[in-house]
Structure formats: structure tokens, C-alpha cells
């Protein structure tokens, strides 16, 4: 057991099908066919490592039965594109 809890439950844990957080930024960039240099990959990986655990915790909280009826407070709408220019 680590300081963050049982194995596989800490802030650095991801499902087995997801690359480690250090490899996540380059994997996402490759999937999107975006060039990402080593230095930028390290920075993006650090940001993802800090952001993902909190985002996953929020997702778990909002998926709880007591929040099932909540809707987004902000709705984004887009006007139809002007095809004729």
C-alpha cells in the first residue's frame, strides 16, 4: 500500500488500457497527428498528471445517484454557418 492508498487507486493510476501519465501526452499527440517535441511532451504530461486525477474524481462525484438530475449550467450554441459567405 502506498501513501496514496491501495495499489491502483492513487492519483497516478490509470486503467490498464491507458498509457502511463508520462506517456499520455505523446500518445494523444500522435493519435491527433500533432507534432509534439520532447520538452513540450514533458510539460503537457505534467499538466495532464496534475489535471486527470481531479477530473476523474469530479466525474465520479457527478456520476453519483444524487446528482443524476443535474444538467450543465452553461449551454453552448453555435449559429449555423453562412455557406454563401
PDB file of N, CA and C in Angstrom:
ATOM      1  N   UNK A   1       0.847  -1.181   0.000  1.00  0.00           N
ATOM      2  CA  UNK A   1       0.000   0.000   0.000  1.00  0.00           C
ATOM      3  C   UNK A   1       0.888   1.238   0.000  1.00  0.00           C
ATOM      4  N   UNK A   2       0.564   2.205  -0.843  1.00  0.00           N
ATOM      5  CA  UNK A   2       1.363   3.419  -0.930  1.00  0.00           C
ATOM      6  C   UNK A   2       0.706   4.518  -0.121  1.00  0.00           C
ATOM      7  N   UNK A   3       1.335   5.695  -0.120  1.00  0.00           N
ATOM      8  CA  UNK A   3       0.794   6.836   0.614  1.00  0.00           C
ATOM      9  C   UNK A   3      -0.523   7.316   0.016  1.00  0.00           C
ATOM     10  N   UNK A   4      -0.777   6.956  -1.240  1.00  0.00           N
ATOM     11  CA  UNK A   4      -1.998   7.407  -1.893  1.00  0.00           C
ATOM     12  C   UNK A   4      -3.124   6.397  -1.775  1.00  0.00           C
ATOM     13  N   UNK A   5      -2.887   5.273  -1.141  1.00  0.00           N
ATOM     14  CA  UNK A   5      -3.930   4.273  -0.985  1.00  0.00           C
ATOM     15  C   UNK A   5      -3.485   2.956  -1.569  1.00  0.00           C
ATOM     16  N   UNK A   6      -4.411   2.003  -1.696  1.00  0.00           N
ATOM     17  CA  UNK A   6      -4.063   0.703  -2.251  1.00  0.00           C
ATOM     18  C   UNK A   6      -3.540   0.837  -3.672  1.00  0.00           C
ATOM     19  N   UNK A   7      -2.772  -0.141  -4.089  1.00  0.00           N
ATOM     20  CA  UNK A   7      -2.216  -0.133  -5.445  1.00  0.00           C
ATOM     21  C   UNK A   7      -3.335   0.052  -6.456  1.00  0.00           C
ATOM     22  N   UNK A   8      -3.093   0.926  -7.436  1.00  0.00           N
ATOM     23  CA  UNK A   8      -4.068   1.154  -8.493  1.00  0.00           C
ATOM     24  C   UNK A   8      -5.149   2.159  -8.150  1.00  0.00           C
ATOM     25  N   UNK A   9      -5.064   2.821  -6.997  1.00  0.00           N
ATOM     26  CA  UNK A   9      -6.094   3.793  -6.641  1.00  0.00           C
ATOM     27  C   UNK A   9      -5.537   5.185  -6.412  1.00  0.00           C
ATOM     28  N   UNK A  10      -4.246   5.378  -6.547  1.00  0.00           N
ATOM     29  CA  UNK A  10      -3.641   6.677  -6.293  1.00  0.00           C
ATOM     30  C   UNK A  10      -3.836   7.625  -7.454  1.00  0.00           C
ATOM     31  N   UNK A  11      -3.356   8.861  -7.308  1.00  0.00           N
ATOM     32  CA  UNK A  11      -3.560   9.856  -8.349  1.00  0.00           C
ATOM     33  C   UNK A  11      -2.829   9.539  -9.647  1.00  0.00           C
ATOM     34  N   UNK A  12      -1.827   8.659  -9.599  1.00  0.00           N
ATOM     35  CA  UNK A  12      -1.103   8.316 -10.816  1.00  0.00           C
ATOM     36  C   UNK A  12      -1.649   7.066 -11.496  1.00  0.00           C
ATOM     37  N   UNK A  13      -2.702   6.465 -10.949  1.00  0.00           N
ATOM     38  CA  UNK A  13      -3.208   5.234 -11.535  1.00  0.00           C
ATOM     39  C   UNK A  13      -4.177   5.536 -12.664  1.00  0.00           C
ATOM     40  N   UNK A  14      -4.092   4.741 -13.703  1.00  0.00           N
ATOM     41  CA  UNK A  14      -4.986   4.824 -14.848  1.00  0.00           C
ATOM     42  C   UNK A  14      -5.455   3.417 -15.158  1.00  0.00           C
ATOM     43  N   UNK A  15      -6.579   3.280 -15.844  1.00  0.00           N
ATOM     44  CA  UNK A  15      -6.997   1.947 -16.249  1.00  0.00           C
ATOM     45  C   UNK A  15      -5.893   1.279 -17.063  1.00  0.00           C
ATOM     46  N   UNK A  16      -5.825  -0.054 -17.048  1.00  0.00           N
ATOM     47  CA  UNK A  16      -4.749  -0.759 -17.747  1.00  0.00           C
ATOM     48  C   UNK A  16      -4.642  -0.437 -19.219  1.00  0.00           C
ATOM     49  N   UNK A  17      -5.734  -0.065 -19.885  1.00  0.00           N
ATOM     50  CA  UNK A  17      -5.691   0.217 -21.314  1.00  0.00           C
ATOM     51  C   UNK A  17      -5.154   1.610 -21.627  1.00  0.00           C
ATOM     52  N   UNK A  18      -4.964   2.445 -20.600  1.00  0.00           N
ATOM     53  CA  UNK A  18      -4.492   3.811 -20.802  1.00  0.00           C
ATOM     54  C   UNK A  18      -2.999   3.866 -20.510  1.00  0.00           C
ATOM     55  N   UNK A  19      -2.215   4.517 -21.393  1.00  0.00           N
ATOM     56  CA  UNK A  19      -0.772   4.625 -21.136  1.00  0.00           C
ATOM     57  C   UNK A  19      -0.512   5.363 -19.828  1.00  0.00           C
ATOM     58  N   UNK A  20       0.694   5.195 -19.281  1.00  0.00           N
ATOM     59  CA  UNK A  20       1.046   5.932 -18.070  1.00  0.00           C
ATOM     60  C   UNK A  20       0.910   7.419 -18.345  1.00  0.00           C
ATOM     61  N   UNK A  21       0.729   8.201 -17.273  1.00  0.00           N
ATOM     62  CA  UNK A  21       0.540   9.637 -17.464  1.00  0.00           C
ATOM     63  C   UNK A  21       1.738  10.276 -18.149  1.00  0.00           C
ATOM     64  N   UNK A  22       2.941   9.737 -17.930  1.00  0.00           N
ATOM     65  CA  UNK A  22       4.126  10.280 -18.587  1.00  0.00           C
ATOM     66  C   UNK A  22       4.053  10.073 -20.102  1.00  0.00           C
ATOM     67  N   UNK A  23       3.418   8.977 -20.525  1.00  0.00           N
ATOM     68  CA  UNK A  23       3.321   8.672 -21.951  1.00  0.00           C
ATOM     69  C   UNK A  23       2.021   9.175 -22.567  1.00  0.00           C
ATOM     70  N   UNK A  24       1.117   9.700 -21.752  1.00  0.00           N
ATOM     71  CA  UNK A  24      -0.195  10.080 -22.253  1.00  0.00           C
ATOM     72  C   UNK A  24      -0.136  11.239 -23.244  1.00  0.00           C
ATOM     73  N   UNK A  25       0.602  12.282 -22.944  1.00  0.00           N
ATOM     74  CA  UNK A  25       0.665  13.438 -23.843  1.00  0.00           C
ATOM     75  C   UNK A  25       1.218  13.052 -25.217  1.00  0.00           C
ATOM     76  N   UNK A  26       2.351  12.339 -25.296  1.00  0.00           N
ATOM     77  CA  UNK A  26       2.828  11.942 -26.618  1.00  0.00           C
ATOM     78  C   UNK A  26       1.860  11.010 -27.340  1.00  0.00           C
ATOM     79  N   UNK A  27       1.193  10.121 -26.603  1.00  0.00           N
ATOM     80  CA  UNK A  27       0.231   9.209 -27.230  1.00  0.00           C
ATOM     81  C   UNK A  27      -0.954   9.980 -27.801  1.00  0.00           C
ATOM     82  N   UNK A  28      -1.462  10.951 -27.051  1.00  0.00           N
ATOM     83  CA  UNK A  28      -2.570  11.767 -27.547  1.00  0.00           C
ATOM     84  C   UNK A  28      -2.140  12.597 -28.755  1.00  0.00           C
ATOM     85  N   UNK A  29      -0.959  13.173 -28.690  1.00  0.00           N
ATOM     86  CA  UNK A  29      -0.459  13.970 -29.810  1.00  0.00           C
ATOM     87  C   UNK A  29      -0.287  13.106 -31.056  1.00  0.00           C
ATOM     88  N   UNK A  30       0.235  11.908 -30.893  1.00  0.00           N
ATOM     89  CA  UNK A  30       0.412  11.009 -32.038  1.00  0.00           C
ATOM     90  C   UNK A  30      -0.938  10.617 -32.628  1.00  0.00           C
ATOM     91  N   UNK A  31      -1.904  10.350 -31.772  1.00  0.00           N
ATOM     92  CA  UNK A  31      -3.239   9.986 -32.243  1.00  0.00           C
ATOM     93  C   UNK A  31      -3.866  11.120 -33.044  1.00  0.00           C
ATOM     94  N   UNK A  32      -3.644  12.343 -32.596  1.00  0.00           N
ATOM     95  CA  UNK A  32      -4.190  13.512 -33.278  1.00  0.00           C
ATOM     96  C   UNK A  32      -3.294  13.987 -34.417  1.00  0.00           C
ATOM     97  N   UNK A  33      -2.188  13.273 -34.654  1.00  0.00           N
ATOM     98  CA  UNK A  33      -1.206  13.634 -35.681  1.00  0.00           C
ATOM     99  C   UNK A  33      -0.688  15.060 -35.502  1.00  0.00           C
ATOM    100  N   UNK A  34      -0.399  15.395 -34.225  1.00  0.00           N
ATOM    101  CA  UNK A  34       0.168  16.696 -33.900  1.00  0.00           C
ATOM    102  C   UNK A  34       1.629  16.514 -33.497  1.00  0.00           C
ATOM    103  N   UNK A  35       2.534  17.294 -34.071  1.00  0.00           N
ATOM    104  CA  UNK A  35       3.924  17.188 -33.656  1.00  0.00           C
ATOM    105  C   UNK A  35       4.078  17.738 -32.231  1.00  0.00           C
ATOM    106  N   UNK A  36       4.771  16.977 -31.389  1.00  0.00           N
ATOM    107  CA  UNK A  36       4.975  17.406 -30.008  1.00  0.00           C
ATOM    108  C   UNK A  36       6.398  17.043 -29.627  1.00  0.00           C
ATOM    109  N   UNK A  37       7.237  18.074 -29.496  1.00  0.00           N
ATOM    110  CA  UNK A  37       8.628  17.845 -29.137  1.00  0.00           C
ATOM    111  C   UNK A  37       8.764  17.286 -27.738  1.00  0.00           C
ATOM    112  N   UNK A  38       9.926  16.734 -27.425  1.00  0.00           N
ATOM    113  CA  UNK A  38      10.160  16.090 -26.135  1.00  0.00           C
ATOM    114  C   UNK A  38       9.918  17.046 -24.970  1.00  0.00           C
ATOM    115  N   UNK A  39      10.421  18.262 -25.062  1.00  0.00           N
ATOM    116  CA  UNK A  39      10.238  19.240 -23.987  1.00  0.00           C
ATOM    117  C   UNK A  39       8.779  19.586 -23.773  1.00  0.00           C
ATOM    118  N   UNK A  40       8.073  19.784 -24.872  1.00  0.00           N
ATOM    119  CA  UNK A  40       6.646  20.108 -24.765  1.00  0.00           C
ATOM    120  C   UNK A  40       5.854  18.907 -24.274  1.00  0.00           C
ATOM    121  N   UNK A  41       6.265  17.700 -24.658  1.00  0.00           N
ATOM    122  CA  UNK A  41       5.585  16.488 -24.194  1.00  0.00           C
ATOM    123  C   UNK A  41       5.717  16.358 -22.681  1.00  0.00           C
ATOM    124  N   UNK A  42       6.883  16.696 -22.146  1.00  0.00           N
ATOM    125  CA  UNK A  42       7.097  16.627 -20.703  1.00  0.00           C
ATOM    126  C   UNK A  42       6.200  17.631 -19.974  1.00  0.00           C
ATOM    127  N   UNK A  43       6.092  18.831 -20.524  1.00  0.00           N
ATOM    128  CA  UNK A  43       5.244  19.860 -19.918  1.00  0.00           C
ATOM    129  C   UNK A  43       3.775  19.436 -19.987  1.00  0.00           C
ATOM    130  N   UNK A  44       3.337  18.986 -21.158  1.00  0.00           N
ATOM    131  CA  UNK A  44       1.946  18.555 -21.315  1.00  0.00           C
ATOM    132  C   UNK A  44       1.657  17.345 -20.425  1.00  0.00           C
ATOM    133  N   UNK A  45       2.608  16.424 -20.312  1.00  0.00           N
ATOM    134  CA  UNK A  45       2.432  15.263 -19.446  1.00  0.00           C
ATOM    135  C   UNK A  45       2.274  15.660 -17.997  1.00  0.00           C
ATOM    136  N   UNK A  46       3.050  16.636 -17.549  1.00  0.00           N
ATOM    137  CA  UNK A  46       2.942  17.118 -16.169  1.00  0.00           C
ATOM    138  C   UNK A  46       1.579  17.763 -15.923  1.00  0.00           C
ATOM    139  N   UNK A  47       1.096  18.531 -16.902  1.00  0.00           N
ATOM    140  CA  UNK A  47      -0.223  19.145 -16.768  1.00  0.00           C
ATOM    141  C   UNK A  47      -1.321  18.086 -16.703  1.00  0.00           C
ATOM    142  N   UNK A  48      -1.227  17.089 -17.577  1.00  0.00           N
ATOM    143  CA  UNK A  48      -2.216  16.010 -17.551  1.00  0.00           C
ATOM    144  C   UNK A  48      -2.159  15.232 -16.244  1.00  0.00           C
ATOM    145  N   UNK A  49      -0.952  14.985 -15.757  1.00  0.00           N
ATOM    146  CA  UNK A  49      -0.798  14.249 -14.496  1.00  0.00           C
ATOM    147  C   UNK A  49      -1.436  15.001 -13.339  1.00  0.00           C
ATOM    148  N   UNK A  50      -1.384  16.334 -13.376  1.00  0.00           N
ATOM    149  CA  UNK A  50      -1.988  17.140 -12.319  1.00  0.00           C
ATOM    150  C   UNK A  50      -3.502  17.251 -12.500  1.00  0.00           C
ATOM    151  N   UNK A  51      -3.967  17.284 -13.734  1.00  0.00           N
ATOM    152  CA  UNK A  51      -5.365  17.535 -14.032  1.00  0.00           C
ATOM    153  C   UNK A  51      -6.228  16.277 -13.998  1.00  0.00           C
ATOM    154  N   UNK A  52      -5.736  15.178 -14.518  1.00  0.00           N
ATOM    155  CA  UNK A  52      -6.563  13.976 -14.657  1.00  0.00           C
ATOM    156  C   UNK A  52      -7.127  13.422 -13.350  1.00  0.00           C
ATOM    157  N   UNK A  53      -6.353  13.312 -12.287  1.00  0.00           N
ATOM    158  CA  UNK A  53      -6.945  12.773 -11.055  1.00  0.00           C
ATOM    159  C   UNK A  53      -8.128  13.606 -10.554  1.00  0.00           C
ATOM    160  N   UNK A  54      -8.008  14.929 -10.603  1.00  0.00           N
ATOM    161  CA  UNK A  54      -9.105  15.792 -10.158  1.00  0.00           C
ATOM    162  C   UNK A  54     -10.302  15.681 -11.109  1.00  0.00           C
ATOM    163  N   UNK A  55     -10.040  15.593 -12.402  1.00  0.00           N
ATOM    164  CA  UNK A  55     -11.128  15.451 -13.373  1.00  0.00           C
ATOM    165  C   UNK A  55     -11.850  14.124 -13.178  1.00  0.00           C
ATOM    166  N   UNK A  56     -11.104  13.056 -12.927  1.00  0.00           N
ATOM    167  CA  UNK A  56     -11.718  11.751 -12.696  1.00  0.00           C
ATOM    168  C   UNK A  56     -12.521  11.742 -11.402  1.00  0.00           C
ATOM    169  N   UNK A  57     -12.020  12.392 -10.368  1.00  0.00           N
ATOM    170  CA  UNK A  57     -12.759  12.475  -9.107  1.00  0.00           C
ATOM    171  C   UNK A  57     -14.061  13.246  -9.301  1.00  0.00           C
ATOM    172  N   UNK A  58     -14.016  14.352 -10.030  1.00  0.00           N
ATOM    173  CA  UNK A  58     -15.229  15.117 -10.315  1.00  0.00           C
ATOM    174  C   UNK A  58     -16.213  14.274 -11.115  1.00  0.00           C
ATOM    175  N   UNK A  59     -15.715  13.519 -12.078  1.00  0.00           N
ATOM    176  CA  UNK A  59     -16.578  12.640 -12.865  1.00  0.00           C
ATOM    177  C   UNK A  59     -17.257  11.605 -11.980  1.00  0.00           C
ATOM    178  N   UNK A  60     -16.494  11.005 -11.054  1.00  0.00           N
ATOM    179  CA  UNK A  60     -17.085  10.028 -10.132  1.00  0.00           C
ATOM    180  C   UNK A  60     -18.159  10.675  -9.264  1.00  0.00           C
ATOM    181  N   UNK A  61     -17.880  11.874  -8.758  1.00  0.00           N
ATOM    182  CA  UNK A  61     -18.858  12.564  -7.910  1.00  0.00           C
ATOM    183  C   UNK A  61     -20.124  12.893  -8.692  1.00  0.00           C
ATOM    184  N   UNK A  62     -19.963  13.407  -9.905  1.00  0.00           N
ATOM    185  CA  UNK A  62     -21.121  13.815 -10.694  1.00  0.00           C
ATOM    186  C   UNK A  62     -21.896  12.618 -11.240  1.00  0.00           C
ATOM    187  N   UNK A  63     -21.292  11.440 -11.242  1.00  0.00           N
ATOM    188  CA  UNK A  63     -21.983  10.229 -11.680  1.00  0.00           C
ATOM    189  C   UNK A  63     -22.791   9.591 -10.561  1.00  0.00           C
ATOM    190  N   UNK A  64     -22.649  10.104  -9.353  1.00  0.00           N
ATOM    191  CA  UNK A  64     -23.372   9.550  -8.213  1.00  0.00           C
ATOM    192  C   UNK A  64     -24.868   9.779  -8.385  1.00  0.00           C
ATOM    193  N   UNK A  65     -25.642   8.883  -7.831  1.00  0.00           N
ATOM    194  CA  UNK A  65     -27.095   8.915  -7.997  1.00  0.00           C
ATOM    195  C   UNK A  65     -27.715  10.234  -7.539  1.00  0.00           C
ATOM    196  N   UNK A  66     -27.159  10.860  -6.514  1.00  0.00           N
ATOM    197  CA  UNK A  66     -27.757  12.112  -6.029  1.00  0.00           C
ATOM    198  C   UNK A  66     -27.585  13.272  -7.010  1.00  0.00           C
ATOM    199  N   UNK A  67     -26.728  13.118  -8.013  1.00  0.00           N
ATOM    200  CA  UNK A  67     -26.504  14.176  -8.996  1.00  0.00           C
ATOM    201  C   UNK A  67     -27.068  13.832 -10.369  1.00  0.00           C
ATOM    202  N   UNK A  68     -27.803  12.738 -10.472  1.00  0.00           N
ATOM    203  CA  UNK A  68     -28.247  12.245 -11.775  1.00  0.00           C
ATOM    204  C   UNK A  68     -29.143  13.248 -12.525  1.00  0.00           C
ATOM    205  N   UNK A  69     -29.877  14.090 -11.806  1.00  0.00           N
ATOM    206  CA  UNK A  69     -30.803  15.019 -12.454  1.00  0.00           C
ATOM    207  C   UNK A  69     -30.163  16.359 -12.799  1.00  0.00           C
ATOM    208  N   UNK A  70     -28.920  16.586 -12.422  1.00  0.00           N
ATOM    209  CA  UNK A  70     -28.265  17.860 -12.714  1.00  0.00           C
ATOM    210  C   UNK A  70     -27.937  17.986 -14.192  1.00  0.00           C
ATOM    211  N   UNK A  71     -28.080  19.153 -14.702  1.00  0.00           N
ATOM    212  CA  UNK A  71     -27.742  19.441 -16.090  1.00  0.00           C
ATOM    213  C   UNK A  71     -26.656  20.503 -16.104  1.00  0.00           C
ATOM    214  N   UNK A  72     -25.927  20.631 -17.196  1.00  0.00           N
ATOM    215  CA  UNK A  72     -24.918  21.697 -17.264  1.00  0.00           C
ATOM    216  C   UNK A  72     -25.563  23.069 -17.082  1.00  0.00           C
ATOM    217  N   UNK A  73     -24.878  23.935 -16.364  1.00  0.00           N
ATOM    218  CA  UNK A  73     -25.382  25.283 -16.129  1.00  0.00           C
ATOM    219  C   UNK A  73     -25.167  26.172 -17.350  1.00  0.00           C
ATOM    220  N   UNK A  74     -24.211  25.832 -18.175  1.00  0.00           N
ATOM    221  CA  UNK A  74     -23.893  26.624 -19.353  1.00  0.00           C
ATOM    222  C   UNK A  74     -24.142  25.778 -20.598  1.00  0.00           C
ATOM    223  N   UNK A  75     -24.897  26.297 -21.507  1.00  0.00           N
ATOM    224  CA  UNK A  75     -25.162  25.609 -22.763  1.00  0.00           C
ATOM    225  C   UNK A  75     -24.523  26.435 -23.863  1.00  0.00           C
ATOM    226  N   UNK A  76     -23.692  25.806 -24.644  1.00  0.00           N
ATOM    227  CA  UNK A  76     -23.036  26.487 -25.751  1.00  0.00           C
ATOM    228  C   UNK A  76     -23.810  26.211 -27.030  1.00  0.00           C
ATOM    229  N   UNK A  77     -24.157  27.263 -27.745  1.00  0.00           N
ATOM    230  CA  UNK A  77     -24.839  27.096 -29.002  1.00  0.00           C
ATOM    231  C   UNK A  77     -24.018  27.777 -30.094  1.00  0.00           C
ATOM    232  N   UNK A  78     -24.181  27.300 -31.287  1.00  0.00           N
ATOM    233  CA  UNK A  78     -23.439  27.844 -32.415  1.00  0.00           C
ATOM    234  C   UNK A  78     -24.432  28.191 -33.510  1.00  0.00           C
ATOM    235  N   UNK A  79     -24.269  29.342 -34.078  1.00  0.00           N
ATOM    236  CA  UNK A  79     -25.126  29.731 -35.200  1.00  0.00           C
ATOM    237  C   UNK A  79     -24.775  28.882 -36.406  1.00  0.00           C
ATOM    238  N   UNK A  80     -25.736  28.694 -37.263  1.00  0.00           N
ATOM    239  CA  UNK A  80     -25.489  27.931 -38.495  1.00  0.00           C
ATOM    240  C   UNK A  80     -24.465  28.683 -39.321  1.00  0.00           C
ATOM    241  N   UNK A  81     -23.539  27.978 -39.948  1.00  0.00           N
ATOM    242  CA  UNK A  81     -22.532  28.658 -40.771  1.00  0.00           C
ATOM    243  C   UNK A  81     -23.160  29.334 -41.973  1.00  0.00           C
ATOM    244  N   UNK A  82     -22.606  30.455 -42.350  1.00  0.00           N
ATOM    245  CA  UNK A  82     -23.063  31.180 -43.536  1.00  0.00           C
ATOM    246  C   UNK A  82     -22.361  30.574 -44.747  1.00  0.00           C
ATOM    247  N   UNK A  83     -23.038  29.672 -45.401  1.00  0.00           N
ATOM    248  CA  UNK A  83     -22.422  28.924 -46.516  1.00  0.00           C
ATOM    249  C   UNK A  83     -22.198  29.807 -47.731  1.00  0.00           C
ATOM    250  N   UNK A  84     -23.063  30.793 -47.925  1.00  0.00           N
ATOM    251  CA  UNK A  84     -22.927  31.649 -49.105  1.00  0.00           C
ATOM    252  C   UNK A  84     -21.869  32.705 -48.940  1.00  0.00           C
ATOM    253  N   UNK A  85     -21.324  32.856 -47.727  1.00  0.00           N
ATOM    254  CA  UNK A  85     -20.213  33.737 -47.484  1.00  0.00           C
ATOM    255  C   UNK A  85     -20.570  35.142 -47.350  1.00  0.00           C
TER     256      UNK A  85
END
